[in-house]
Amino acid sequence: MKRRTFLTLGAGTIGGLYLNGCANLDAILAGQKEPFKISLAQWSLHRRLSGQQEPKLDNLDFAKETRGFGIEAVEYVNQFFMDKAKDKKYLAEMKKRAKDNGVKSLLIMCDNEGNLGDPKAGQRTQAVENHYKWVEAAKFLGCHSIRVNARSTGTYEQQMKLAADGLSRLSEFAADYKINVIVENHGGLSSNGAWLADVIKKVGLPNCGTLPDFGNFPPETDRYEAVRMLMPYAKAVSAKSHDFDEEGNETKIDYCRMMNIVLSAGYHGYVGIEYEGKRLCENDGVRATKRLLEKIRTQRMKS
């Protein structure tokens, strides 16, 4: 993959990095000029975008707002321009504002377009076709991917088969546009690392992968092991955050340990801030997450 540079590390070394948090981060980062980049997921500001929190933010101003945080790449959410997927004039304005602010458009997170693993063949086909317009919009905006959900019903095996079918057909369509179709752990069996990894393997197409999210796991799940399972197929990474302690560390997720997993998988692309907390306002939550990622990125780096 162009966006990955696999590190030459033995299995034992990787295990040590994985278990020891930030202690061995220098071993991963040695010789890396930029181990990862930081982007901003639009959901981080969903309350402002929906008018629930002041100051209200218009979707067209998201790129400018992102640049104001000192971040140069964005991950859109289709919910904030749901009726604009085929509106070329509107999309052109989004593209222009991103360019004017020196912001790169990475992907569109797509929801509310049906279940790609629907057990009813007709509804599954409709869900696949509902995503076509977002593939086209992503291509127009200069994105590399659309993020989709792999919702289904039935047994473990049945859902795997159904989800793989929907994802395969959508990925085949997206391949003509050179767009990736990536699946986030986003509830149901998609939040089972082994299940989602096997679905991607079953699809077996180079433009179908994962978007591992640090959160979105049930309490009983080992989130670190689940992310480790998803990282070999990752084309984007979502750094979920909720709250921070006095030292600036996330209170629910060990970011050092998680980033060791991400980097030791050979991933050096964008890590998207996705703040979902309530104690801090959205702007402060974004800034706190950015500071933590920057701290990890620069800690004990070697030139």
C-alpha atoms as a PDB file:
ATOM      1  CA  MET A   1       0.000   0.000   0.000  1.00  0.00           C
ATOM      2  CA  LYS A   2       1.348   3.448  -0.862  1.00  0.00           C
ATOM      3  CA  ARG A   3       0.275   4.851   2.506  1.00  0.00           C
ATOM      4  CA  ARG A   4       2.140   2.299   4.560  1.00  0.00           C
ATOM      5  CA  THR A   5       5.803   1.667   5.193  1.00  0.00           C
ATOM      6  CA  PHE A   6       6.138  -1.591   7.093  1.00  0.00           C
ATOM      7  CA  LEU A   7       8.748  -1.511   9.828  1.00  0.00           C
ATOM      8  CA  THR A   8      11.307  -4.270  10.176  1.00  0.00           C
ATOM      9  CA  LEU A   9      10.430  -5.486  13.643  1.00  0.00           C
ATOM     10  CA  GLY A  10      10.396  -8.997  15.033  1.00  0.00           C
ATOM     11  CA  ALA A  11       7.245 -10.412  16.607  1.00  0.00           C
ATOM     12  CA  GLY A  12       8.710 -10.202  20.083  1.00  0.00           C
ATOM     13  CA  THR A  13       9.685  -6.559  19.615  1.00  0.00           C
ATOM     14  CA  ILE A  14       6.235  -5.638  18.364  1.00  0.00           C
ATOM     15  CA  GLY A  15       4.675  -7.397  21.335  1.00  0.00           C
ATOM     16  CA  GLY A  16       6.857  -5.403  23.702  1.00  0.00           C
ATOM     17  CA  LEU A  17       5.908  -2.135  22.047  1.00  0.00           C
ATOM     18  CA  TYR A  18       2.265  -3.115  22.166  1.00  0.00           C
ATOM     19  CA  LEU A  19       2.321  -3.903  25.862  1.00  0.00           C
ATOM     20  CA  ASN A  20       4.547  -1.160  27.176  1.00  0.00           C
ATOM     21  CA  GLY A  21       2.661   1.963  26.155  1.00  0.00           C
ATOM     22  CA  CYS A  22       4.838   4.961  25.382  1.00  0.00           C
ATOM     23  CA  ALA A  23       7.977   3.501  26.951  1.00  0.00           C
ATOM     24  CA  ASN A  24       9.289   2.132  23.663  1.00  0.00           C
ATOM     25  CA  LEU A  25       7.781   4.668  21.293  1.00  0.00           C
ATOM     26  CA  ASP A  26      11.234   5.779  20.249  1.00  0.00           C
ATOM     27  CA  ALA A  27      11.884   2.318  18.810  1.00  0.00           C
ATOM     28  CA  ILE A  28       8.893   2.709  16.523  1.00  0.00           C
ATOM     29  CA  LEU A  29       9.621   6.285  15.569  1.00  0.00           C
ATOM     30  CA  ALA A  30      13.345   5.916  14.972  1.00  0.00           C
ATOM     31  CA  GLY A  31      14.192   7.364  11.609  1.00  0.00           C
ATOM     32  CA  GLN A  32      10.636   8.452  10.888  1.00  0.00           C
ATOM     33  CA  LYS A  33      10.365  12.120   9.956  1.00  0.00           C
ATOM     34  CA  GLU A  34       6.593  12.097  10.367  1.00  0.00           C
ATOM     35  CA  PRO A  35       5.197   8.932  11.973  1.00  0.00           C
ATOM     36  CA  PHE A  36       1.613  10.039  11.386  1.00  0.00           C
ATOM     37  CA  LYS A  37      -0.413  13.079  10.413  1.00  0.00           C
ATOM     38  CA  ILE A  38      -3.413  14.580  12.199  1.00  0.00           C
ATOM     39  CA  SER A  39      -6.810  15.245  10.640  1.00  0.00           C
ATOM     40  CA  LEU A  40     -10.154  16.372  12.035  1.00  0.00           C
ATOM     41  CA  ALA A  41     -13.311  14.310  11.798  1.00  0.00           C
ATOM     42  CA  GLN A  42     -16.375  16.496  11.321  1.00  0.00           C
ATOM     43  CA  TRP A  43     -18.249  14.599  14.027  1.00  0.00           C
ATOM     44  CA  SER A  44     -15.999  16.291  16.592  1.00  0.00           C
ATOM     45  CA  LEU A  45     -18.067  19.439  16.015  1.00  0.00           C
ATOM     46  CA  HIS A  46     -21.447  17.755  15.480  1.00  0.00           C
ATOM     47  CA  ARG A  47     -23.215  19.771  18.168  1.00  0.00           C
ATOM     48  CA  ARG A  48     -22.062  23.047  16.634  1.00  0.00           C
ATOM     49  CA  LEU A  49     -22.925  21.854  13.140  1.00  0.00           C
ATOM     50  CA  SER A  50     -26.413  20.835  14.257  1.00  0.00           C
ATOM     51  CA  GLY A  51     -26.969  24.068  16.206  1.00  0.00           C
ATOM     52  CA  GLN A  52     -26.963  22.400  19.630  1.00  0.00           C
ATOM     53  CA  GLN A  53     -23.852  24.273  20.773  1.00  0.00           C
ATOM     54  CA  GLU A  54     -22.643  27.801  20.147  1.00  0.00           C
ATOM     55  CA  PRO A  55     -21.118  29.178  18.081  1.00  0.00           C
ATOM     56  CA  LYS A  56     -23.119  27.448  15.364  1.00  0.00           C
ATOM     57  CA  LEU A  57     -21.052  26.186  12.444  1.00  0.00           C
ATOM     58  CA  ASP A  58     -22.101  25.815   8.824  1.00  0.00           C
ATOM     59  CA  ASN A  59     -20.830  22.816   6.904  1.00  0.00           C
ATOM     60  CA  LEU A  60     -19.259  25.076   4.284  1.00  0.00           C
ATOM     61  CA  ASP A  61     -17.130  26.698   6.985  1.00  0.00           C
ATOM     62  CA  PHE A  62     -15.763  23.430   8.357  1.00  0.00           C
ATOM     63  CA  ALA A  63     -12.522  23.574   6.364  1.00  0.00           C
ATOM     64  CA  LYS A  64     -11.797  27.101   7.605  1.00  0.00           C
ATOM     65  CA  GLU A  65     -12.597  26.061  11.183  1.00  0.00           C
ATOM     66  CA  THR A  66     -10.273  23.078  10.834  1.00  0.00           C
ATOM     67  CA  ARG A  67      -7.431  25.325   9.667  1.00  0.00           C
ATOM     68  CA  GLY A  68      -8.060  27.493  12.703  1.00  0.00           C
ATOM     69  CA  PHE A  69      -7.128  24.525  14.885  1.00  0.00           C
ATOM     70  CA  GLY A  70      -3.855  24.211  12.985  1.00  0.00           C
ATOM     71  CA  ILE A  71      -5.074  21.037  11.266  1.00  0.00           C
ATOM     72  CA  GLU A  72      -4.696  20.600   7.529  1.00  0.00           C
ATOM     73  CA  ALA A  73      -6.942  17.635   6.656  1.00  0.00           C
ATOM     74  CA  VAL A  74     -10.648  16.904   7.119  1.00  0.00           C
ATOM     75  CA  GLU A  75     -12.978  13.920   7.314  1.00  0.00           C
ATOM     76  CA  TYR A  76     -16.524  14.853   6.360  1.00  0.00           C
ATOM     77  CA  VAL A  77     -19.785  13.369   7.676  1.00  0.00           C
ATOM     78  CA  ASN A  78     -22.565  13.060   5.107  1.00  0.00           C
ATOM     79  CA  GLN A  79     -25.240  13.926   7.680  1.00  0.00           C
ATOM     80  CA  PHE A  80     -24.182  17.578   7.506  1.00  0.00           C
ATOM     81  CA  PHE A  81     -24.770  17.856   3.761  1.00  0.00           C
ATOM     82  CA  MET A  82     -27.121  14.919   3.272  1.00  0.00           C
ATOM     83  CA  ASP A  83     -29.061  16.430   0.378  1.00  0.00           C
ATOM     84  CA  LYS A  84     -25.995  17.787  -1.430  1.00  0.00           C
ATOM     85  CA  ALA A  85     -24.309  14.609  -2.682  1.00  0.00           C
ATOM     86  CA  LYS A  86     -25.315  15.357  -6.280  1.00  0.00           C
ATOM     87  CA  ASP A  87     -25.244  19.143  -5.993  1.00  0.00           C
ATOM     88  CA  LYS A  88     -22.081  19.932  -7.942  1.00  0.00           C
ATOM     89  CA  LYS A  89     -22.339  23.643  -7.232  1.00  0.00           C
ATOM     90  CA  TYR A  90     -22.412  23.016  -3.485  1.00  0.00           C
ATOM     91  CA  LEU A  91     -19.637  20.421  -3.655  1.00  0.00           C
ATOM     92  CA  ALA A  92     -17.555  22.782  -5.758  1.00  0.00           C
ATOM     93  CA  GLU A  93     -17.882  25.412  -3.022  1.00  0.00           C
ATOM     94  CA  MET A  94     -16.797  22.854  -0.404  1.00  0.00           C
ATOM     95  CA  LYS A  95     -13.816  21.955  -2.561  1.00  0.00           C
ATOM     96  CA  LYS A  96     -12.914  25.596  -3.146  1.00  0.00           C
ATOM     97  CA  ARG A  97     -13.042  26.480   0.544  1.00  0.00           C
ATOM     98  CA  ALA A  98     -10.874  23.508   1.429  1.00  0.00           C
ATOM     99  CA  LYS A  99      -8.325  24.546  -1.177  1.00  0.00           C
ATOM    100  CA  ASP A 100      -8.450  28.215  -0.147  1.00  0.00           C
ATOM    101  CA  ASN A 101      -7.665  27.224   3.439  1.00  0.00           C
ATOM    102  CA  GLY A 102      -4.936  24.733   2.530  1.00  0.00           C
ATOM    103  CA  VAL A 103      -6.993  21.816   3.790  1.00  0.00           C
ATOM    104  CA  LYS A 104      -6.954  18.328   2.293  1.00  0.00           C
ATOM    105  CA  SER A 105     -10.231  16.385   2.002  1.00  0.00           C
ATOM    106  CA  LEU A 106      -9.670  12.763   3.055  1.00  0.00           C
ATOM    107  CA  LEU A 107     -12.962  10.912   3.265  1.00  0.00           C
ATOM    108  CA  ILE A 108     -16.719  11.061   3.755  1.00  0.00           C
ATOM    109  CA  MET A 109     -18.293   9.143   6.650  1.00  0.00           C
ATOM    110  CA  CYS A 110     -21.603   7.830   5.325  1.00  0.00           C
ATOM    111  CA  ASP A 111     -24.637   6.973   7.461  1.00  0.00           C
ATOM    112  CA  ASN A 112     -28.381   6.585   6.964  1.00  0.00           C
ATOM    113  CA  GLU A 113     -28.174   5.005   3.521  1.00  0.00           C
ATOM    114  CA  GLY A 114     -29.389   1.513   4.402  1.00  0.00           C
ATOM    115  CA  ASN A 115     -27.668  -1.648   5.613  1.00  0.00           C
ATOM    116  CA  LEU A 116     -25.015  -3.065   3.313  1.00  0.00           C
ATOM    117  CA  GLY A 117     -25.559  -6.440   4.975  1.00  0.00           C
ATOM    118  CA  ASP A 118     -29.369  -6.369   4.879  1.00  0.00           C
ATOM    119  CA  PRO A 119     -30.717  -9.959   4.730  1.00  0.00           C
ATOM    120  CA  LYS A 120     -33.317  -8.877   2.168  1.00  0.00           C
ATOM    121  CA  ALA A 121     -31.627  -8.926  -1.222  1.00  0.00           C
ATOM    122  CA  GLY A 122     -33.595  -5.994  -2.609  1.00  0.00           C
ATOM    123  CA  GLN A 123     -32.887  -3.753   0.363  1.00  0.00           C
ATOM    124  CA  ARG A 124     -29.220  -4.749   0.363  1.00  0.00           C
ATOM    125  CA  THR A 125     -28.973  -3.795  -3.294  1.00  0.00           C
ATOM    126  CA  GLN A 126     -30.704  -0.501  -2.578  1.00  0.00           C
ATOM    127  CA  ALA A 127     -28.241   0.221   0.226  1.00  0.00           C
ATOM    128  CA  VAL A 128     -25.328  -0.470  -2.111  1.00  0.00           C
ATOM    129  CA  GLU A 129     -26.765   1.820  -4.772  1.00  0.00           C
ATOM    130  CA  ASN A 130     -27.569   4.529  -2.208  1.00  0.00           C
ATOM    131  CA  HIS A 131     -23.832   4.850  -1.596  1.00  0.00           C
ATOM    132  CA  TYR A 132     -22.948   5.377  -5.254  1.00  0.00           C
ATOM    133  CA  LYS A 133     -23.572   9.109  -5.035  1.00  0.00           C
ATOM    134  CA  TRP A 134     -21.198   9.385  -2.083  1.00  0.00           C
ATOM    135  CA  VAL A 135     -18.477   7.586  -4.003  1.00  0.00           C
ATOM    136  CA  GLU A 136     -18.934  10.130  -6.780  1.00  0.00           C
ATOM    137  CA  ALA A 137     -18.984  13.031  -4.304  1.00  0.00           C
ATOM    138  CA  ALA A 138     -15.812  11.746  -2.629  1.00  0.00           C
ATOM    139  CA  LYS A 139     -14.073  11.570  -5.980  1.00  0.00           C
ATOM    140  CA  PHE A 140     -15.185  15.121  -6.827  1.00  0.00           C
ATOM    141  CA  LEU A 141     -13.937  16.490  -3.496  1.00  0.00           C
ATOM    142  CA  GLY A 142     -10.575  14.765  -3.836  1.00  0.00           C
ATOM    143  CA  CYS A 143     -11.098  12.225  -1.043  1.00  0.00           C
ATOM    144  CA  HIS A 144      -9.526   8.761  -0.997  1.00  0.00           C
ATOM    145  CA  SER A 145     -12.372   6.906   0.743  1.00  0.00           C
ATOM    146  CA  ILE A 146     -15.925   6.705   1.953  1.00  0.00           C
ATOM    147  CA  ARG A 147     -16.554   5.213   5.378  1.00  0.00           C
ATOM    148  CA  VAL A 148     -19.536   2.860   5.499  1.00  0.00           C
ATOM    149  CA  ASN A 149     -21.255   0.630   8.045  1.00  0.00           C
ATOM    150  CA  ALA A 150     -21.516  -3.160   7.832  1.00  0.00           C
ATOM    151  CA  ARG A 151     -24.840  -3.611   9.592  1.00  0.00           C
ATOM    152  CA  SER A 152     -26.692  -6.877   9.192  1.00  0.00           C
ATOM    153  CA  THR A 153     -28.859  -9.398  11.052  1.00  0.00           C
ATOM    154  CA  GLY A 154     -28.709 -13.162  11.444  1.00  0.00           C
ATOM    155  CA  THR A 155     -26.067 -15.522  12.761  1.00  0.00           C
ATOM    156  CA  TYR A 156     -22.385 -14.631  12.980  1.00  0.00           C
ATOM    157  CA  GLU A 157     -21.654 -16.456   9.727  1.00  0.00           C
ATOM    158  CA  GLN A 158     -24.761 -15.202   7.939  1.00  0.00           C
ATOM    159  CA  GLN A 159     -23.946 -11.589   8.736  1.00  0.00           C
ATOM    160  CA  MET A 160     -20.392 -12.094   7.523  1.00  0.00           C
ATOM    161  CA  LYS A 161     -21.634 -13.434   4.193  1.00  0.00           C
ATOM    162  CA  LEU A 162     -24.241 -10.690   3.758  1.00  0.00           C
ATOM    163  CA  ALA A 163     -21.921  -7.836   4.712  1.00  0.00           C
ATOM    164  CA  ALA A 164     -19.190  -9.169   2.425  1.00  0.00           C
ATOM    165  CA  ASP A 165     -21.665  -9.283  -0.450  1.00  0.00           C
ATOM    166  CA  GLY A 166     -22.768  -5.665  -0.030  1.00  0.00           C
ATOM    167  CA  LEU A 167     -19.230  -4.414   0.513  1.00  0.00           C
ATOM    168  CA  SER A 168     -17.917  -6.345  -2.494  1.00  0.00           C
ATOM    169  CA  ARG A 169     -20.465  -4.828  -4.846  1.00  0.00           C
ATOM    170  CA  LEU A 170     -19.937  -1.314  -3.545  1.00  0.00           C
ATOM    171  CA  SER A 171     -16.146  -1.696  -3.661  1.00  0.00           C
ATOM    172  CA  GLU A 172     -16.312  -2.907  -7.254  1.00  0.00           C
ATOM    173  CA  PHE A 173     -18.264   0.236  -8.173  1.00  0.00           C
ATOM    174  CA  ALA A 174     -15.890   2.468  -6.203  1.00  0.00           C
ATOM    175  CA  ALA A 175     -12.818   0.937  -7.833  1.00  0.00           C
ATOM    176  CA  ASP A 176     -13.697   2.670 -11.098  1.00  0.00           C
ATOM    177  CA  TYR A 177     -13.415   5.991  -9.246  1.00  0.00           C
ATOM    178  CA  LYS A 178     -10.235   4.956  -7.382  1.00  0.00           C
ATOM    179  CA  ILE A 179     -12.120   5.356  -4.101  1.00  0.00           C
ATOM    180  CA  ASN A 180     -11.724   3.066  -1.088  1.00  0.00           C
ATOM    181  CA  VAL A 181     -14.669   1.638   0.839  1.00  0.00           C
ATOM    182  CA  ILE A 182     -13.690   1.435   4.489  1.00  0.00           C
ATOM    183  CA  VAL A 183     -15.634  -0.004   7.406  1.00  0.00           C
ATOM    184  CA  GLU A 184     -15.560   1.400  10.930  1.00  0.00           C
ATOM    185  CA  ASN A 185     -16.199  -0.586  14.084  1.00  0.00           C
ATOM    186  CA  HIS A 186     -19.547   1.109  14.582  1.00  0.00           C
ATOM    187  CA  GLY A 187     -21.799  -1.183  16.598  1.00  0.00           C
ATOM    188  CA  GLY A 188     -23.130  -4.726  16.237  1.00  0.00           C
ATOM    189  CA  LEU A 189     -20.708  -7.318  14.926  1.00  0.00           C
ATOM    190  CA  SER A 190     -18.641  -4.591  13.262  1.00  0.00           C
ATOM    191  CA  SER A 191     -17.335  -3.841  16.773  1.00  0.00           C
ATOM    192  CA  ASN A 192     -15.972  -7.398  16.914  1.00  0.00           C
ATOM    193  CA  GLY A 193     -12.431  -7.119  15.596  1.00  0.00           C
ATOM    194  CA  ALA A 194     -12.188 -10.745  14.475  1.00  0.00           C
ATOM    195  CA  TRP A 195     -15.523 -10.621  12.640  1.00  0.00           C
ATOM    196  CA  LEU A 196     -14.769  -7.388  10.775  1.00  0.00           C
ATOM    197  CA  ALA A 197     -11.257  -8.514   9.839  1.00  0.00           C
ATOM    198  CA  ASP A 198     -12.689 -11.741   8.417  1.00  0.00           C
ATOM    199  CA  VAL A 199     -15.317  -9.788   6.457  1.00  0.00           C
ATOM    200  CA  ILE A 200     -12.598  -7.690   4.811  1.00  0.00           C
ATOM    201  CA  LYS A 201     -10.605 -10.827   4.011  1.00  0.00           C
ATOM    202  CA  LYS A 202     -13.724 -12.403   2.550  1.00  0.00           C
ATOM    203  CA  VAL A 203     -14.286  -9.366   0.302  1.00  0.00           C
ATOM    204  CA  GLY A 204     -10.680  -9.644  -0.833  1.00  0.00           C
ATOM    205  CA  LEU A 205     -10.567  -6.404  -2.824  1.00  0.00           C
ATOM    206  CA  PRO A 206      -7.655  -3.955  -2.456  1.00  0.00           C
ATOM    207  CA  ASN A 207      -9.931  -0.917  -2.103  1.00  0.00           C
ATOM    208  CA  CYS A 208     -11.986  -2.423   0.736  1.00  0.00           C
ATOM    209  CA  GLY A 209     -10.504  -1.934   4.191  1.00  0.00           C
ATOM    210  CA  THR A 210     -11.107  -0.703   7.707  1.00  0.00           C
ATOM    211  CA  LEU A 211     -11.250   2.515   9.696  1.00  0.00           C
ATOM    212  CA  PRO A 212     -10.315   1.403  13.219  1.00  0.00           C
ATOM    213  CA  ASP A 213     -11.883   3.641  15.872  1.00  0.00           C
ATOM    214  CA  PHE A 214     -10.303   3.738  19.343  1.00  0.00           C
ATOM    215  CA  GLY A 215     -13.808   3.697  20.826  1.00  0.00           C
ATOM    216  CA  ASN A 216     -17.065   2.096  19.650  1.00  0.00           C
ATOM    217  CA  PHE A 217     -16.431  -1.166  21.478  1.00  0.00           C
ATOM    218  CA  PRO A 218     -18.673  -2.825  24.094  1.00  0.00           C
ATOM    219  CA  PRO A 219     -17.281  -2.832  27.660  1.00  0.00           C
ATOM    220  CA  GLU A 220     -16.339  -6.508  27.577  1.00  0.00           C
ATOM    221  CA  THR A 221     -14.153  -6.083  24.482  1.00  0.00           C
ATOM    222  CA  ASP A 222     -10.387  -5.683  24.660  1.00  0.00           C
ATOM    223  CA  ARG A 223     -10.267  -2.575  22.487  1.00  0.00           C
ATOM    224  CA  TYR A 224      -6.503  -2.784  22.016  1.00  0.00           C
ATOM    225  CA  GLU A 225      -6.613  -6.333  20.714  1.00  0.00           C
ATOM    226  CA  ALA A 226      -9.575  -5.476  18.470  1.00  0.00           C
ATOM    227  CA  VAL A 227      -7.761  -2.491  16.924  1.00  0.00           C
ATOM    228  CA  ARG A 228      -4.687  -4.670  16.433  1.00  0.00           C
ATOM    229  CA  MET A 229      -6.835  -7.093  14.401  1.00  0.00           C
ATOM    230  CA  LEU A 230      -8.179  -4.279  12.218  1.00  0.00           C
ATOM    231  CA  MET A 231      -4.945  -2.406  11.568  1.00  0.00           C
ATOM    232  CA  PRO A 232      -3.613  -4.659   8.761  1.00  0.00           C
ATOM    233  CA  TYR A 233      -6.551  -3.451   6.634  1.00  0.00           C
ATOM    234  CA  ALA A 234      -6.629   0.181   7.817  1.00  0.00           C
ATOM    235  CA  LYS A 235      -6.776   3.013   5.312  1.00  0.00           C
ATOM    236  CA  ALA A 236      -7.660   5.584   8.014  1.00  0.00           C
ATOM    237  CA  VAL A 237      -7.674   5.699  11.822  1.00  0.00           C
ATOM    238  CA  SER A 238     -10.112   7.440  14.167  1.00  0.00           C
ATOM    239  CA  ALA A 239      -8.773   8.741  17.489  1.00  0.00           C
ATOM    240  CA  LYS A 240     -11.917   8.780  19.630  1.00  0.00           C
ATOM    241  CA  SER A 241     -11.707  10.905  22.779  1.00  0.00           C
ATOM    242  CA  HIS A 242     -14.091  11.750  25.608  1.00  0.00           C
ATOM    243  CA  ASP A 243     -12.261  13.430  28.483  1.00  0.00           C
ATOM    244  CA  PHE A 244      -8.783  14.207  29.781  1.00  0.00           C
ATOM    245  CA  ASP A 245      -6.993  14.165  33.126  1.00  0.00           C
ATOM    246  CA  GLU A 246      -4.762  16.895  34.558  1.00  0.00           C
ATOM    247  CA  GLU A 247      -1.788  15.613  32.573  1.00  0.00           C
ATOM    248  CA  GLY A 248      -3.708  15.730  29.306  1.00  0.00           C
ATOM    249  CA  ASN A 249      -4.181  11.994  28.932  1.00  0.00           C
ATOM    250  CA  GLU A 250      -7.460  10.530  27.713  1.00  0.00           C
ATOM    251  CA  THR A 251      -9.277   9.047  30.690  1.00  0.00           C
ATOM    252  CA  LYS A 252     -10.804   5.987  28.976  1.00  0.00           C
ATOM    253  CA  ILE A 253      -8.242   5.096  26.332  1.00  0.00           C
ATOM    254  CA  ASP A 254      -4.477   4.625  26.681  1.00  0.00           C
ATOM    255  CA  TYR A 255      -3.450   6.673  23.653  1.00  0.00           C
ATOM    256  CA  CYS A 256       0.216   5.702  23.935  1.00  0.00           C
ATOM    257  CA  ARG A 257      -0.640   2.024  23.837  1.00  0.00           C
ATOM    258  CA  MET A 258      -3.137   2.531  21.026  1.00  0.00           C
ATOM    259  CA  MET A 259      -0.717   4.535  18.904  1.00  0.00           C
ATOM    260  CA  ASN A 260       1.952   1.894  19.409  1.00  0.00           C
ATOM    261  CA  ILE A 261      -0.461  -0.603  17.862  1.00  0.00           C
ATOM    262  CA  VAL A 262      -1.211   1.756  14.982  1.00  0.00           C
ATOM    263  CA  LEU A 263       2.440   2.523  14.214  1.00  0.00           C
ATOM    264  CA  SER A 264       3.735  -1.003  14.689  1.00  0.00           C
ATOM    265  CA  ALA A 265       1.231  -2.108  12.032  1.00  0.00           C
ATOM    266  CA  GLY A 266       3.170   0.072   9.601  1.00  0.00           C
ATOM    267  CA  TYR A 267       0.505   2.766   9.372  1.00  0.00           C
ATOM    268  CA  HIS A 268       1.811   6.317   8.904  1.00  0.00           C
ATOM    269  CA  GLY A 269      -1.221   8.037   7.413  1.00  0.00           C
ATOM    270  CA  TYR A 270      -3.735  10.408   8.974  1.00  0.00           C
ATOM    271  CA  VAL A 271      -5.138   9.876  12.463  1.00  0.00           C
ATOM    272  CA  GLY A 272      -8.474  11.665  12.712  1.00  0.00           C
ATOM    273  CA  ILE A 273      -9.509  13.467  15.877  1.00  0.00           C
ATOM    274  CA  GLU A 274     -13.051  12.464  16.845  1.00  0.00           C
ATOM    275  CA  TYR A 275     -13.979  14.161  20.103  1.00  0.00           C
ATOM    276  CA  GLU A 276     -17.256  12.994  21.654  1.00  0.00           C
ATOM    277  CA  GLY A 277     -16.968  14.306  25.183  1.00  0.00           C
ATOM    278  CA  LYS A 278     -19.384  16.547  27.056  1.00  0.00           C
ATOM    279  CA  ARG A 279     -17.369  18.103  29.896  1.00  0.00           C
ATOM    280  CA  LEU A 280     -15.290  20.222  27.531  1.00  0.00           C
ATOM    281  CA  CYS A 281     -16.879  22.219  24.760  1.00  0.00           C
ATOM    282  CA  GLU A 282     -16.225  20.771  21.314  1.00  0.00           C
ATOM    283  CA  ASN A 283     -13.476  23.260  20.418  1.00  0.00           C
ATOM    284  CA  ASP A 284     -11.586  22.580  23.648  1.00  0.00           C
ATOM    285  CA  GLY A 285     -12.047  18.828  23.187  1.00  0.00           C
ATOM    286  CA  VAL A 286     -10.495  19.020  19.728  1.00  0.00           C
ATOM    287  CA  ARG A 287      -7.564  21.035  21.051  1.00  0.00           C
ATOM    288  CA  ALA A 288      -6.987  18.618  23.951  1.00  0.00           C
ATOM    289  CA  THR A 289      -7.001  15.608  21.606  1.00  0.00           C
ATOM    290  CA  LYS A 290      -4.625  17.371  19.227  1.00  0.00           C
ATOM    291  CA  ARG A 291      -2.211  18.195  22.041  1.00  0.00           C
ATOM    292  CA  LEU A 292      -2.171  14.561  23.150  1.00  0.00           C
ATOM    293  CA  LEU A 293      -1.527  13.247  19.644  1.00  0.00           C
ATOM    294  CA  GLU A 294       1.194  15.831  19.084  1.00  0.00           C
ATOM    295  CA  LYS A 295       2.835  14.864  22.370  1.00  0.00           C
ATOM    296  CA  ILE A 296       2.908  11.232  21.314  1.00  0.00           C
ATOM    297  CA  ARG A 297       4.153  12.122  17.857  1.00  0.00           C
ATOM    298  CA  THR A 298       7.106  14.106  19.113  1.00  0.00           C
ATOM    299  CA  GLN A 299       7.993  12.095  22.212  1.00  0.00           C
ATOM    300  CA  ARG A 300      11.579  10.884  22.041  1.00  0.00           C
ATOM    301  CA  MET A 301      11.654  11.082  18.257  1.00  0.00           C
ATOM    302  CA  LYS A 302      14.985  10.660  16.594  1.00  0.00           C
ATOM    303  CA  SER A 303      15.944  12.680  13.588  1.00  0.00           C
END
